[in-house]
N, C-alpha and C. Protein backbone atom coordinates (compact mmCIF):
# COMPACT_ATOMS: atom_id res chain seq x y z
N MET A 1 46.32 -200.93 -38.06
CA MET A 1 47.49 -200.08 -37.92
C MET A 1 48.69 -200.90 -37.47
N TYR A 2 48.42 -201.88 -36.56
CA TYR A 2 49.53 -202.69 -36.06
C TYR A 2 50.10 -203.55 -37.16
N ARG A 3 49.23 -204.12 -38.02
CA ARG A 3 49.72 -204.96 -39.11
C ARG A 3 50.54 -204.15 -40.11
N ALA A 4 50.08 -202.96 -40.39
CA ALA A 4 50.84 -202.13 -41.32
C ALA A 4 52.22 -201.84 -40.76
N GLY A 5 52.29 -201.57 -39.46
CA GLY A 5 53.58 -201.31 -38.86
C GLY A 5 54.46 -202.54 -38.88
N VAL A 6 53.89 -203.70 -38.69
CA VAL A 6 54.67 -204.93 -38.75
C VAL A 6 55.18 -205.19 -40.16
N GLN A 7 54.36 -204.92 -41.16
CA GLN A 7 54.78 -205.16 -42.53
C GLN A 7 55.93 -204.25 -42.94
N LEU A 8 55.96 -203.04 -42.41
CA LEU A 8 57.06 -202.14 -42.74
C LEU A 8 58.38 -202.65 -42.18
N LEU A 9 58.35 -203.40 -41.10
CA LEU A 9 59.58 -203.93 -40.53
C LEU A 9 60.24 -204.96 -41.44
N TRP A 10 59.48 -205.57 -42.34
CA TRP A 10 60.05 -206.59 -43.21
C TRP A 10 60.78 -206.00 -44.41
N ILE A 11 60.71 -204.68 -44.61
CA ILE A 11 61.43 -204.06 -45.74
C ILE A 11 62.92 -204.09 -45.42
N PRO A 12 63.75 -204.57 -46.34
CA PRO A 12 65.19 -204.63 -46.07
C PRO A 12 65.78 -203.23 -45.87
N VAL A 13 66.71 -203.15 -44.93
CA VAL A 13 67.35 -201.87 -44.63
C VAL A 13 68.20 -201.40 -45.81
N ALA A 14 68.82 -202.31 -46.54
CA ALA A 14 69.65 -201.94 -47.69
C ALA A 14 68.81 -201.28 -48.77
N LEU A 15 67.56 -201.76 -48.95
CA LEU A 15 66.69 -201.15 -49.95
C LEU A 15 66.33 -199.72 -49.56
N LEU A 16 66.08 -199.49 -48.27
CA LEU A 16 65.78 -198.14 -47.81
C LEU A 16 66.98 -197.21 -48.01
N ARG A 17 68.19 -197.71 -47.72
CA ARG A 17 69.38 -196.88 -47.89
C ARG A 17 69.60 -196.54 -49.36
N SER A 18 69.44 -197.52 -50.25
CA SER A 18 69.66 -197.25 -51.67
C SER A 18 68.63 -196.26 -52.20
N ARG A 19 67.38 -196.38 -51.70
CA ARG A 19 66.36 -195.42 -52.14
C ARG A 19 66.67 -194.02 -51.65
N ALA A 20 67.15 -193.89 -50.43
CA ALA A 20 67.51 -192.57 -49.90
C ALA A 20 68.67 -191.97 -50.67
N GLN A 21 69.67 -192.79 -51.03
CA GLN A 21 70.79 -192.28 -51.81
C GLN A 21 70.34 -191.85 -53.20
N LEU A 22 69.41 -192.60 -53.79
CA LEU A 22 68.89 -192.23 -55.11
C LEU A 22 68.15 -190.89 -55.06
N LEU A 23 67.35 -190.68 -54.01
CA LEU A 23 66.63 -189.42 -53.87
C LEU A 23 67.59 -188.26 -53.65
N GLN A 24 68.70 -188.49 -52.90
CA GLN A 24 69.68 -187.44 -52.69
C GLN A 24 70.36 -187.06 -54.00
N ARG A 25 70.64 -188.03 -54.86
CA ARG A 25 71.29 -187.72 -56.13
C ARG A 25 70.34 -187.00 -57.08
N GLN A 26 69.05 -187.31 -57.01
CA GLN A 26 68.09 -186.70 -57.91
C GLN A 26 67.60 -185.36 -57.43
N TYR A 27 67.90 -184.96 -56.21
CA TYR A 27 67.35 -183.71 -55.67
C TYR A 27 68.04 -182.51 -56.32
N ARG A 28 67.23 -181.54 -56.72
CA ARG A 28 67.73 -180.28 -57.24
C ARG A 28 66.94 -179.15 -56.58
N SER A 29 67.62 -178.10 -56.24
CA SER A 29 66.94 -176.96 -55.66
C SER A 29 66.00 -176.34 -56.69
N ALA A 30 64.96 -175.69 -56.21
CA ALA A 30 63.99 -175.06 -57.11
C ALA A 30 64.60 -173.91 -57.88
N TYR A 31 65.74 -173.38 -57.41
CA TYR A 31 66.38 -172.25 -58.07
C TYR A 31 67.73 -172.62 -58.67
N SER A 32 68.03 -173.91 -58.81
CA SER A 32 69.30 -174.30 -59.41
C SER A 32 69.24 -174.10 -60.92
N LEU A 33 70.41 -173.95 -61.53
CA LEU A 33 70.46 -173.69 -62.97
C LEU A 33 69.93 -174.86 -63.77
N GLU A 34 70.12 -176.09 -63.27
CA GLU A 34 69.63 -177.25 -64.00
C GLU A 34 68.11 -177.28 -64.05
N VAL A 35 67.46 -176.74 -63.01
CA VAL A 35 65.99 -176.71 -62.97
C VAL A 35 65.46 -175.53 -63.77
N LEU A 36 66.08 -174.36 -63.60
CA LEU A 36 65.59 -173.17 -64.29
C LEU A 36 65.86 -173.22 -65.78
N TYR A 37 67.04 -173.70 -66.18
CA TYR A 37 67.42 -173.75 -67.58
C TYR A 37 67.96 -175.14 -67.90
N PRO A 38 67.06 -176.09 -68.13
CA PRO A 38 67.52 -177.48 -68.31
C PRO A 38 68.36 -177.69 -69.56
N ASN A 39 68.18 -176.87 -70.59
CA ASN A 39 68.93 -177.05 -71.84
C ASN A 39 70.10 -176.08 -71.96
N SER A 40 70.59 -175.59 -70.83
CA SER A 40 71.63 -174.57 -70.89
C SER A 40 73.00 -175.15 -71.21
N ARG A 41 73.15 -176.46 -71.16
CA ARG A 41 74.44 -177.07 -71.48
C ARG A 41 74.33 -177.92 -72.74
N ALA A 42 73.68 -177.35 -73.73
CA ALA A 42 73.55 -178.06 -75.00
C ALA A 42 74.88 -178.02 -75.74
N ASP A 43 74.89 -178.67 -76.90
CA ASP A 43 76.11 -178.75 -77.69
C ASP A 43 76.28 -177.46 -78.50
N TYR A 44 77.22 -176.61 -78.05
CA TYR A 44 77.54 -175.39 -78.79
C TYR A 44 78.92 -175.62 -79.40
N SER A 45 78.91 -176.13 -80.60
CA SER A 45 80.16 -176.54 -81.23
C SER A 45 80.75 -175.47 -82.12
N GLY A 46 80.38 -174.22 -81.90
CA GLY A 46 80.95 -173.16 -82.69
C GLY A 46 80.24 -172.92 -84.00
N SER A 47 79.02 -173.45 -84.17
CA SER A 47 78.29 -173.23 -85.42
C SER A 47 77.62 -171.88 -85.44
N GLY A 48 77.74 -171.09 -84.35
CA GLY A 48 77.19 -169.76 -84.33
C GLY A 48 75.68 -169.73 -84.33
N GLY A 49 75.04 -170.69 -83.69
CA GLY A 49 73.60 -170.70 -83.62
C GLY A 49 72.94 -171.19 -84.89
N ARG A 50 73.71 -171.82 -85.79
CA ARG A 50 73.14 -172.30 -87.04
C ARG A 50 72.84 -173.78 -86.95
N GLN A 51 71.75 -174.18 -87.56
CA GLN A 51 71.36 -175.58 -87.58
C GLN A 51 71.27 -176.05 -89.02
N GLN A 52 71.53 -177.33 -89.21
CA GLN A 52 71.51 -177.90 -90.54
C GLN A 52 70.09 -178.30 -90.91
N GLY A 53 69.62 -177.77 -92.03
CA GLY A 53 68.28 -178.06 -92.49
C GLY A 53 68.21 -179.34 -93.31
N GLN A 54 67.04 -179.58 -93.91
CA GLN A 54 66.86 -180.79 -94.71
C GLN A 54 67.66 -180.74 -96.00
N ASP A 55 67.93 -179.52 -96.48
CA ASP A 55 68.71 -179.42 -97.71
C ASP A 55 70.20 -179.51 -97.47
N GLY A 56 70.62 -179.65 -96.21
CA GLY A 56 72.03 -179.79 -95.89
C GLY A 56 72.71 -178.47 -95.63
N ALA A 57 72.05 -177.36 -95.84
CA ALA A 57 72.65 -176.05 -95.63
C ALA A 57 72.44 -175.62 -94.17
N LEU A 58 73.31 -174.71 -93.73
CA LEU A 58 73.21 -174.19 -92.38
C LEU A 58 72.32 -172.96 -92.38
N HIS A 59 71.33 -172.96 -91.50
CA HIS A 59 70.40 -171.85 -91.40
C HIS A 59 70.54 -171.22 -90.04
N ASN A 60 70.39 -169.89 -89.98
CA ASN A 60 70.43 -169.18 -88.71
C ASN A 60 69.15 -169.44 -87.94
N SER A 61 69.31 -169.96 -86.76
CA SER A 61 68.16 -170.18 -85.88
C SER A 61 68.62 -169.90 -84.46
N CYS A 62 68.49 -168.69 -84.05
CA CYS A 62 68.99 -168.28 -82.75
C CYS A 62 68.13 -168.87 -81.65
N SER A 63 68.75 -169.60 -80.74
CA SER A 63 68.04 -170.18 -79.62
C SER A 63 68.33 -169.34 -78.38
N THR A 64 67.34 -169.28 -77.50
CA THR A 64 67.54 -168.52 -76.27
C THR A 64 68.12 -169.37 -75.16
N ASP A 65 68.57 -170.59 -75.46
CA ASP A 65 69.25 -171.41 -74.47
C ASP A 65 70.65 -170.85 -74.25
N ILE A 66 70.96 -170.55 -73.01
CA ILE A 66 72.22 -169.88 -72.68
C ILE A 66 73.19 -170.91 -72.14
N PRO A 67 74.38 -171.05 -72.73
CA PRO A 67 75.38 -171.95 -72.15
C PRO A 67 75.99 -171.32 -70.90
N THR A 68 75.61 -171.81 -69.75
CA THR A 68 76.06 -171.18 -68.51
C THR A 68 77.56 -171.32 -68.28
N ASP A 69 78.20 -172.28 -68.96
CA ASP A 69 79.65 -172.40 -68.78
C ASP A 69 80.41 -171.33 -69.56
N ARG A 70 79.72 -170.57 -70.42
CA ARG A 70 80.36 -169.47 -71.14
C ARG A 70 80.17 -168.13 -70.43
N LEU A 71 79.47 -168.12 -69.32
CA LEU A 71 79.19 -166.88 -68.60
C LEU A 71 80.10 -166.75 -67.39
N THR A 72 80.39 -165.51 -67.03
CA THR A 72 81.14 -165.21 -65.82
C THR A 72 80.17 -164.66 -64.78
N VAL A 73 79.99 -165.40 -63.69
CA VAL A 73 79.03 -165.03 -62.65
C VAL A 73 79.79 -164.61 -61.41
N THR A 74 79.45 -163.43 -60.90
CA THR A 74 80.03 -162.95 -59.64
C THR A 74 78.90 -162.44 -58.75
N TYR A 75 79.19 -162.42 -57.44
CA TYR A 75 78.22 -161.95 -56.45
C TYR A 75 78.87 -160.87 -55.60
N CYS A 76 78.06 -159.89 -55.22
CA CYS A 76 78.54 -158.84 -54.34
C CYS A 76 77.38 -158.38 -53.46
N ARG A 77 77.67 -157.44 -52.57
CA ARG A 77 76.65 -156.97 -51.65
C ARG A 77 75.72 -156.01 -52.35
N SER A 78 74.43 -156.14 -52.05
CA SER A 78 73.42 -155.29 -52.67
C SER A 78 73.48 -153.89 -52.09
N SER A 79 72.96 -152.93 -52.84
CA SER A 79 72.88 -151.56 -52.38
C SER A 79 71.47 -151.26 -51.89
N GLY A 80 71.32 -150.17 -51.17
CA GLY A 80 70.00 -149.75 -50.72
C GLY A 80 69.63 -150.34 -49.38
N PRO A 81 68.42 -150.05 -48.91
CA PRO A 81 67.99 -150.53 -47.58
C PRO A 81 67.79 -152.04 -47.57
N GLY A 82 67.93 -152.62 -46.41
CA GLY A 82 67.72 -154.05 -46.26
C GLY A 82 68.21 -154.58 -44.94
N GLY A 83 68.69 -153.69 -44.09
CA GLY A 83 69.13 -154.13 -42.76
C GLY A 83 70.47 -154.83 -42.81
N GLN A 84 70.70 -155.68 -41.83
CA GLN A 84 71.98 -156.37 -41.72
C GLN A 84 72.20 -157.38 -42.83
N ASN A 85 71.11 -157.83 -43.46
CA ASN A 85 71.27 -158.81 -44.55
C ASN A 85 72.08 -158.22 -45.70
N VAL A 86 71.89 -156.92 -45.98
CA VAL A 86 72.63 -156.28 -47.06
C VAL A 86 74.11 -156.19 -46.72
N ASN A 87 74.43 -155.94 -45.46
CA ASN A 87 75.82 -155.74 -45.06
C ASN A 87 76.58 -157.05 -44.89
N LYS A 88 75.90 -158.18 -44.82
CA LYS A 88 76.57 -159.44 -44.52
C LYS A 88 76.61 -160.41 -45.69
N VAL A 89 75.59 -160.40 -46.55
CA VAL A 89 75.44 -161.45 -47.55
C VAL A 89 75.64 -160.88 -48.95
N ASN A 90 76.39 -161.61 -49.77
CA ASN A 90 76.60 -161.23 -51.17
C ASN A 90 75.45 -161.80 -52.00
N THR A 91 74.39 -161.02 -52.16
CA THR A 91 73.20 -161.50 -52.87
C THR A 91 73.07 -160.92 -54.27
N LYS A 92 73.71 -159.80 -54.55
CA LYS A 92 73.60 -159.19 -55.87
C LYS A 92 74.36 -160.05 -56.88
N ALA A 93 73.69 -160.38 -57.98
CA ALA A 93 74.30 -161.23 -59.01
C ALA A 93 74.70 -160.36 -60.19
N GLU A 94 75.87 -160.67 -60.74
CA GLU A 94 76.37 -159.98 -61.93
C GLU A 94 76.85 -161.02 -62.92
N VAL A 95 76.26 -161.00 -64.11
CA VAL A 95 76.59 -161.97 -65.16
C VAL A 95 77.14 -161.20 -66.35
N ARG A 96 78.24 -161.69 -66.90
CA ARG A 96 78.84 -161.04 -68.05
C ARG A 96 79.38 -162.07 -69.03
N PHE A 97 79.42 -161.69 -70.30
CA PHE A 97 80.03 -162.53 -71.33
C PHE A 97 80.54 -161.62 -72.44
N HIS A 98 81.56 -162.10 -73.15
CA HIS A 98 82.16 -161.33 -74.24
C HIS A 98 81.31 -161.51 -75.49
N VAL A 99 80.80 -160.39 -75.99
CA VAL A 99 79.83 -160.45 -77.09
C VAL A 99 80.50 -160.88 -78.39
N ALA A 100 81.67 -160.35 -78.68
CA ALA A 100 82.31 -160.62 -79.97
C ALA A 100 82.71 -162.09 -80.12
N THR A 101 83.05 -162.75 -79.02
CA THR A 101 83.48 -164.15 -79.10
C THR A 101 82.38 -165.12 -78.68
N ALA A 102 81.15 -164.66 -78.57
CA ALA A 102 80.03 -165.53 -78.18
C ALA A 102 79.58 -166.30 -79.42
N ASP A 103 80.25 -167.43 -79.71
CA ASP A 103 79.94 -168.19 -80.92
C ASP A 103 78.63 -168.96 -80.81
N TRP A 104 77.97 -168.92 -79.67
CA TRP A 104 76.66 -169.55 -79.54
C TRP A 104 75.55 -168.62 -80.01
N LEU A 105 75.92 -167.44 -80.48
CA LEU A 105 74.97 -166.50 -81.07
C LEU A 105 75.36 -166.23 -82.52
N PRO A 106 74.38 -166.06 -83.40
CA PRO A 106 74.70 -165.70 -84.79
C PRO A 106 75.35 -164.32 -84.87
N GLU A 107 76.01 -164.07 -85.98
CA GLU A 107 76.75 -162.82 -86.15
C GLU A 107 75.81 -161.62 -86.15
N ASP A 108 74.66 -161.74 -86.82
CA ASP A 108 73.75 -160.60 -86.88
C ASP A 108 73.15 -160.29 -85.51
N VAL A 109 72.93 -161.31 -84.69
CA VAL A 109 72.41 -161.08 -83.34
C VAL A 109 73.46 -160.39 -82.48
N ARG A 110 74.72 -160.80 -82.62
CA ARG A 110 75.79 -160.15 -81.85
C ARG A 110 75.94 -158.68 -82.23
N SER A 111 75.88 -158.39 -83.52
CA SER A 111 75.99 -156.99 -83.95
C SER A 111 74.79 -156.18 -83.48
N ALA A 112 73.59 -156.79 -83.47
CA ALA A 112 72.41 -156.08 -82.98
C ALA A 112 72.51 -155.80 -81.49
N ILE A 113 73.02 -156.76 -80.73
CA ILE A 113 73.21 -156.55 -79.29
C ILE A 113 74.23 -155.44 -79.05
N THR A 114 75.31 -155.43 -79.82
CA THR A 114 76.32 -154.39 -79.66
C THR A 114 75.76 -153.01 -79.97
N ALA A 115 74.89 -152.94 -80.98
CA ALA A 115 74.32 -151.64 -81.36
C ALA A 115 73.27 -151.15 -80.37
N LYS A 116 72.44 -152.06 -79.86
CA LYS A 116 71.32 -151.66 -79.01
C LYS A 116 71.71 -151.48 -77.55
N HIS A 117 72.75 -152.16 -77.09
CA HIS A 117 73.08 -152.16 -75.67
C HIS A 117 74.51 -151.68 -75.44
N GLN A 118 74.84 -150.54 -76.01
CA GLN A 118 76.18 -149.99 -75.83
C GLN A 118 76.44 -149.57 -74.39
N ASN A 119 75.38 -149.16 -73.69
CA ASN A 119 75.57 -148.73 -72.31
C ASN A 119 75.80 -149.90 -71.35
N ARG A 120 75.54 -151.12 -71.77
CA ARG A 120 75.78 -152.29 -70.92
C ARG A 120 77.08 -153.01 -71.27
N ILE A 121 77.76 -152.58 -72.30
CA ILE A 121 79.00 -153.24 -72.73
C ILE A 121 80.18 -152.39 -72.27
N ASN A 122 81.12 -153.02 -71.57
CA ASN A 122 82.27 -152.29 -71.07
C ASN A 122 83.35 -152.18 -72.14
N ARG A 123 84.48 -151.62 -71.77
CA ARG A 123 85.56 -151.41 -72.74
C ARG A 123 86.16 -152.72 -73.22
N ALA A 124 86.05 -153.76 -72.41
CA ALA A 124 86.58 -155.06 -72.81
C ALA A 124 85.65 -155.81 -73.75
N GLY A 125 84.49 -155.23 -74.04
CA GLY A 125 83.54 -155.87 -74.94
C GLY A 125 82.63 -156.88 -74.27
N GLN A 126 82.48 -156.79 -72.95
CA GLN A 126 81.64 -157.71 -72.20
C GLN A 126 80.29 -157.08 -71.90
N LEU A 127 79.24 -157.83 -72.16
CA LEU A 127 77.89 -157.41 -71.80
C LEU A 127 77.66 -157.74 -70.33
N ILE A 128 77.28 -156.74 -69.53
CA ILE A 128 77.13 -156.90 -68.09
C ILE A 128 75.66 -156.75 -67.73
N VAL A 129 75.13 -157.74 -67.01
CA VAL A 129 73.75 -157.73 -66.55
C VAL A 129 73.77 -157.98 -65.05
N THR A 130 73.07 -157.15 -64.29
CA THR A 130 73.04 -157.29 -62.84
C THR A 130 71.60 -157.40 -62.35
N SER A 131 71.44 -157.96 -61.15
CA SER A 131 70.12 -158.06 -60.52
C SER A 131 70.31 -158.11 -59.02
N GLU A 132 69.53 -157.30 -58.32
CA GLU A 132 69.51 -157.31 -56.86
C GLU A 132 68.08 -157.20 -56.36
N ALA A 133 67.15 -157.78 -57.13
CA ALA A 133 65.73 -157.67 -56.79
C ALA A 133 65.35 -158.56 -55.60
N SER A 134 66.10 -159.63 -55.40
CA SER A 134 65.75 -160.59 -54.36
C SER A 134 66.84 -160.66 -53.31
N ARG A 135 66.53 -161.31 -52.18
CA ARG A 135 67.52 -161.53 -51.13
C ARG A 135 68.26 -162.85 -51.32
N TYR A 136 67.94 -163.57 -52.39
CA TYR A 136 68.55 -164.87 -52.63
C TYR A 136 69.42 -164.82 -53.88
N GLN A 137 70.59 -165.41 -53.80
CA GLN A 137 71.53 -165.39 -54.91
C GLN A 137 70.95 -166.04 -56.15
N MET A 138 70.35 -167.22 -55.99
CA MET A 138 69.90 -167.98 -57.15
C MET A 138 68.75 -167.27 -57.86
N ARG A 139 67.90 -166.58 -57.10
CA ARG A 139 66.82 -165.84 -57.76
C ARG A 139 67.38 -164.68 -58.57
N ASN A 140 68.37 -163.98 -58.01
CA ASN A 140 69.00 -162.90 -58.76
C ASN A 140 69.74 -163.43 -59.98
N LEU A 141 70.37 -164.59 -59.83
CA LEU A 141 71.05 -165.19 -60.99
C LEU A 141 70.03 -165.58 -62.05
N ALA A 142 68.91 -166.15 -61.64
CA ALA A 142 67.87 -166.50 -62.60
C ALA A 142 67.32 -165.26 -63.29
N ASN A 143 67.21 -164.16 -62.56
CA ASN A 143 66.75 -162.90 -63.15
C ASN A 143 67.74 -162.39 -64.18
N CYS A 144 69.03 -162.50 -63.89
CA CYS A 144 70.05 -162.08 -64.85
C CYS A 144 69.99 -162.92 -66.12
N LEU A 145 69.84 -164.23 -65.97
CA LEU A 145 69.75 -165.10 -67.14
C LEU A 145 68.51 -164.79 -67.97
N GLN A 146 67.41 -164.47 -67.30
CA GLN A 146 66.21 -164.11 -68.04
C GLN A 146 66.39 -162.79 -68.78
N LYS A 147 67.11 -161.86 -68.19
CA LYS A 147 67.42 -160.61 -68.88
C LYS A 147 68.24 -160.86 -70.14
N ILE A 148 69.23 -161.76 -70.03
CA ILE A 148 70.05 -162.08 -71.19
C ILE A 148 69.20 -162.75 -72.26
N ARG A 149 68.30 -163.64 -71.84
CA ARG A 149 67.39 -164.26 -72.81
C ARG A 149 66.54 -163.23 -73.53
N ASP A 150 66.02 -162.26 -72.78
CA ASP A 150 65.20 -161.22 -73.39
C ASP A 150 66.01 -160.38 -74.37
N ILE A 151 67.26 -160.08 -74.01
CA ILE A 151 68.12 -159.29 -74.90
C ILE A 151 68.38 -160.05 -76.19
N VAL A 152 68.68 -161.36 -76.07
CA VAL A 152 68.94 -162.17 -77.26
C VAL A 152 67.69 -162.31 -78.11
N ALA A 153 66.54 -162.51 -77.47
CA ALA A 153 65.30 -162.66 -78.23
C ALA A 153 64.93 -161.37 -78.96
N ALA A 154 65.14 -160.22 -78.30
CA ALA A 154 64.84 -158.95 -78.96
C ALA A 154 65.78 -158.68 -80.11
N ALA A 155 67.05 -159.06 -79.96
CA ALA A 155 68.01 -158.85 -81.05
C ALA A 155 67.80 -159.82 -82.19
N SER A 156 67.12 -160.94 -81.94
CA SER A 156 66.91 -161.95 -82.98
C SER A 156 65.71 -161.64 -83.86
N GLN A 157 64.84 -160.74 -83.42
CA GLN A 157 63.65 -160.44 -84.19
C GLN A 157 64.00 -159.64 -85.43
N LYS A 158 63.44 -160.05 -86.55
CA LYS A 158 63.65 -159.37 -87.81
C LYS A 158 62.61 -158.28 -87.99
N PRO A 159 62.98 -157.14 -88.58
CA PRO A 159 61.97 -156.09 -88.81
C PRO A 159 60.90 -156.55 -89.78
N LYS A 160 59.68 -156.22 -89.46
CA LYS A 160 58.55 -156.66 -90.28
C LYS A 160 58.50 -155.85 -91.57
N GLN A 161 58.37 -156.56 -92.69
CA GLN A 161 58.26 -155.91 -93.99
C GLN A 161 56.81 -155.53 -94.24
N SER A 162 56.57 -154.23 -94.42
CA SER A 162 55.21 -153.78 -94.66
C SER A 162 54.84 -153.96 -96.12
N SER A 163 53.57 -154.26 -96.37
CA SER A 163 53.09 -154.45 -97.73
C SER A 163 52.82 -153.10 -98.38
N LYS A 164 52.49 -153.12 -99.68
CA LYS A 164 52.21 -151.88 -100.40
C LYS A 164 50.93 -151.23 -99.87
N GLU A 165 49.96 -152.05 -99.51
CA GLU A 165 48.71 -151.49 -98.98
C GLU A 165 48.95 -150.78 -97.65
N GLU A 166 49.75 -151.38 -96.78
CA GLU A 166 50.04 -150.74 -95.50
C GLU A 166 50.81 -149.44 -95.70
N ALA A 167 51.76 -149.44 -96.63
CA ALA A 167 52.52 -148.22 -96.90
C ALA A 167 51.61 -147.12 -97.46
N GLU A 168 50.69 -147.49 -98.34
CA GLU A 168 49.76 -146.51 -98.89
C GLU A 168 48.83 -145.97 -97.82
N ASN A 169 48.32 -146.82 -96.96
CA ASN A 169 47.46 -146.37 -95.86
C ASN A 169 48.21 -145.44 -94.92
N ARG A 170 49.47 -145.75 -94.64
CA ARG A 170 50.27 -144.90 -93.77
C ARG A 170 50.48 -143.53 -94.41
N ARG A 171 50.75 -143.51 -95.72
CA ARG A 171 50.97 -142.24 -96.42
C ARG A 171 49.70 -141.40 -96.41
N MET A 172 48.55 -142.04 -96.59
CA MET A 172 47.29 -141.30 -96.59
C MET A 172 46.97 -140.74 -95.21
N ARG A 173 47.30 -141.49 -94.15
CA ARG A 173 47.08 -140.99 -92.80
C ARG A 173 47.97 -139.78 -92.51
N VAL A 174 49.22 -139.84 -92.96
CA VAL A 174 50.12 -138.71 -92.73
C VAL A 174 49.63 -137.47 -93.47
N GLU A 175 49.20 -137.64 -94.72
CA GLU A 175 48.69 -136.50 -95.48
C GLU A 175 47.43 -135.92 -94.83
N SER A 176 46.55 -136.77 -94.34
CA SER A 176 45.34 -136.30 -93.67
C SER A 176 45.68 -135.52 -92.40
N MET A 177 46.66 -136.00 -91.64
CA MET A 177 47.09 -135.29 -90.45
C MET A 177 47.69 -133.94 -90.79
N GLN A 178 48.48 -133.87 -91.87
CA GLN A 178 49.07 -132.60 -92.28
C GLN A 178 47.99 -131.61 -92.70
N ARG A 179 47.00 -132.08 -93.45
CA ARG A 179 45.92 -131.19 -93.86
C ARG A 179 45.14 -130.66 -92.66
N GLU A 180 44.87 -131.53 -91.70
CA GLU A 180 44.16 -131.09 -90.51
C GLU A 180 44.98 -130.08 -89.71
N ARG A 181 46.27 -130.29 -89.63
CA ARG A 181 47.14 -129.35 -88.91
C ARG A 181 47.13 -127.98 -89.58
N LEU A 182 47.23 -127.95 -90.91
CA LEU A 182 47.21 -126.67 -91.62
C LEU A 182 45.85 -125.98 -91.48
N ARG A 183 44.78 -126.74 -91.47
CA ARG A 183 43.45 -126.16 -91.31
C ARG A 183 43.31 -125.51 -89.93
N GLN A 184 43.80 -126.17 -88.91
CA GLN A 184 43.74 -125.60 -87.56
C GLN A 184 44.60 -124.34 -87.46
N LYS A 185 45.73 -124.32 -88.17
CA LYS A 185 46.56 -123.13 -88.15
C LYS A 185 45.85 -121.95 -88.82
N ARG A 186 45.18 -122.23 -89.91
CA ARG A 186 44.45 -121.16 -90.59
C ARG A 186 43.33 -120.62 -89.70
N ILE A 187 42.63 -121.50 -89.00
CA ILE A 187 41.57 -121.05 -88.09
C ILE A 187 42.15 -120.16 -87.00
N GLN A 188 43.26 -120.57 -86.40
CA GLN A 188 43.88 -119.77 -85.35
C GLN A 188 44.35 -118.43 -85.89
N SER A 189 44.84 -118.41 -87.13
CA SER A 189 45.29 -117.16 -87.73
C SER A 189 44.14 -116.19 -87.92
N VAL A 190 43.00 -116.72 -88.37
CA VAL A 190 41.83 -115.85 -88.56
C VAL A 190 41.34 -115.30 -87.22
N ILE A 191 41.34 -116.13 -86.18
CA ILE A 191 40.90 -115.68 -84.85
C ILE A 191 41.80 -114.56 -84.34
N LYS A 192 43.11 -114.72 -84.49
CA LYS A 192 44.03 -113.69 -84.02
C LYS A 192 43.90 -112.41 -84.83
N ARG A 193 43.67 -112.55 -86.13
CA ARG A 193 43.53 -111.37 -86.97
C ARG A 193 42.28 -110.58 -86.58
N ASP A 194 41.19 -111.28 -86.23
CA ASP A 194 39.95 -110.58 -85.84
C ASP A 194 40.08 -109.92 -84.48
N ARG A 195 41.02 -110.34 -83.68
CA ARG A 195 41.20 -109.72 -82.36
C ARG A 195 41.90 -108.38 -82.45
N ARG A 196 42.57 -108.12 -83.54
CA ARG A 196 43.31 -106.87 -83.64
C ARG A 196 42.35 -105.69 -83.69
N VAL A 197 42.76 -104.63 -83.04
CA VAL A 197 41.94 -103.42 -82.97
C VAL A 197 42.57 -102.36 -83.86
N GLY A 198 41.78 -101.83 -84.79
CA GLY A 198 42.32 -100.78 -85.67
C GLY A 198 42.09 -99.40 -85.07
N PHE A 199 43.13 -98.53 -85.09
CA PHE A 199 43.04 -97.19 -84.50
C PHE A 199 42.82 -96.13 -85.58
N ASP A 200 42.60 -96.54 -86.81
CA ASP A 200 42.41 -95.53 -87.88
C ASP A 200 41.01 -94.96 -87.86
């Protein structure tokens, strides 16, 4: 133990200082945007989420990477019970962006978001997402960003085209259900008719 302690004394102090400065520069909080969304500052050059394929043409490929510099983030006090923490700390996160000018999303995705989430879009055309699930700002911010990712991913999904066999099976199931419904109605009609009492 004594030798190990003596050997540590021979390490230059400048090397220890440089290593400590390097660790300070590399440190990121577990809830920082760089850690949660490492690709959030990619190159969004106005191509509208389109990427160039092998044939040289631009193809729509919506990515769920959110450019955080295009978002407006604000914090306010949370509502509901929580003691003095609610009254003192601005933990509720609110994230908004203008849907019509969001060139990092394809046009069809923007129109789908506008159609599906009219109750979240204000008169200025901004999509508003809030979160107050946690007592920490960064967790609520991460929750808001995940909500936006889910909204974009849901709007990017294309409706599945059913085959002829699936359509025929669906039609046969509907017809079978209709026949069963009519049969049950006839049975109920006969039961009610037999309950009637004739006074003649």
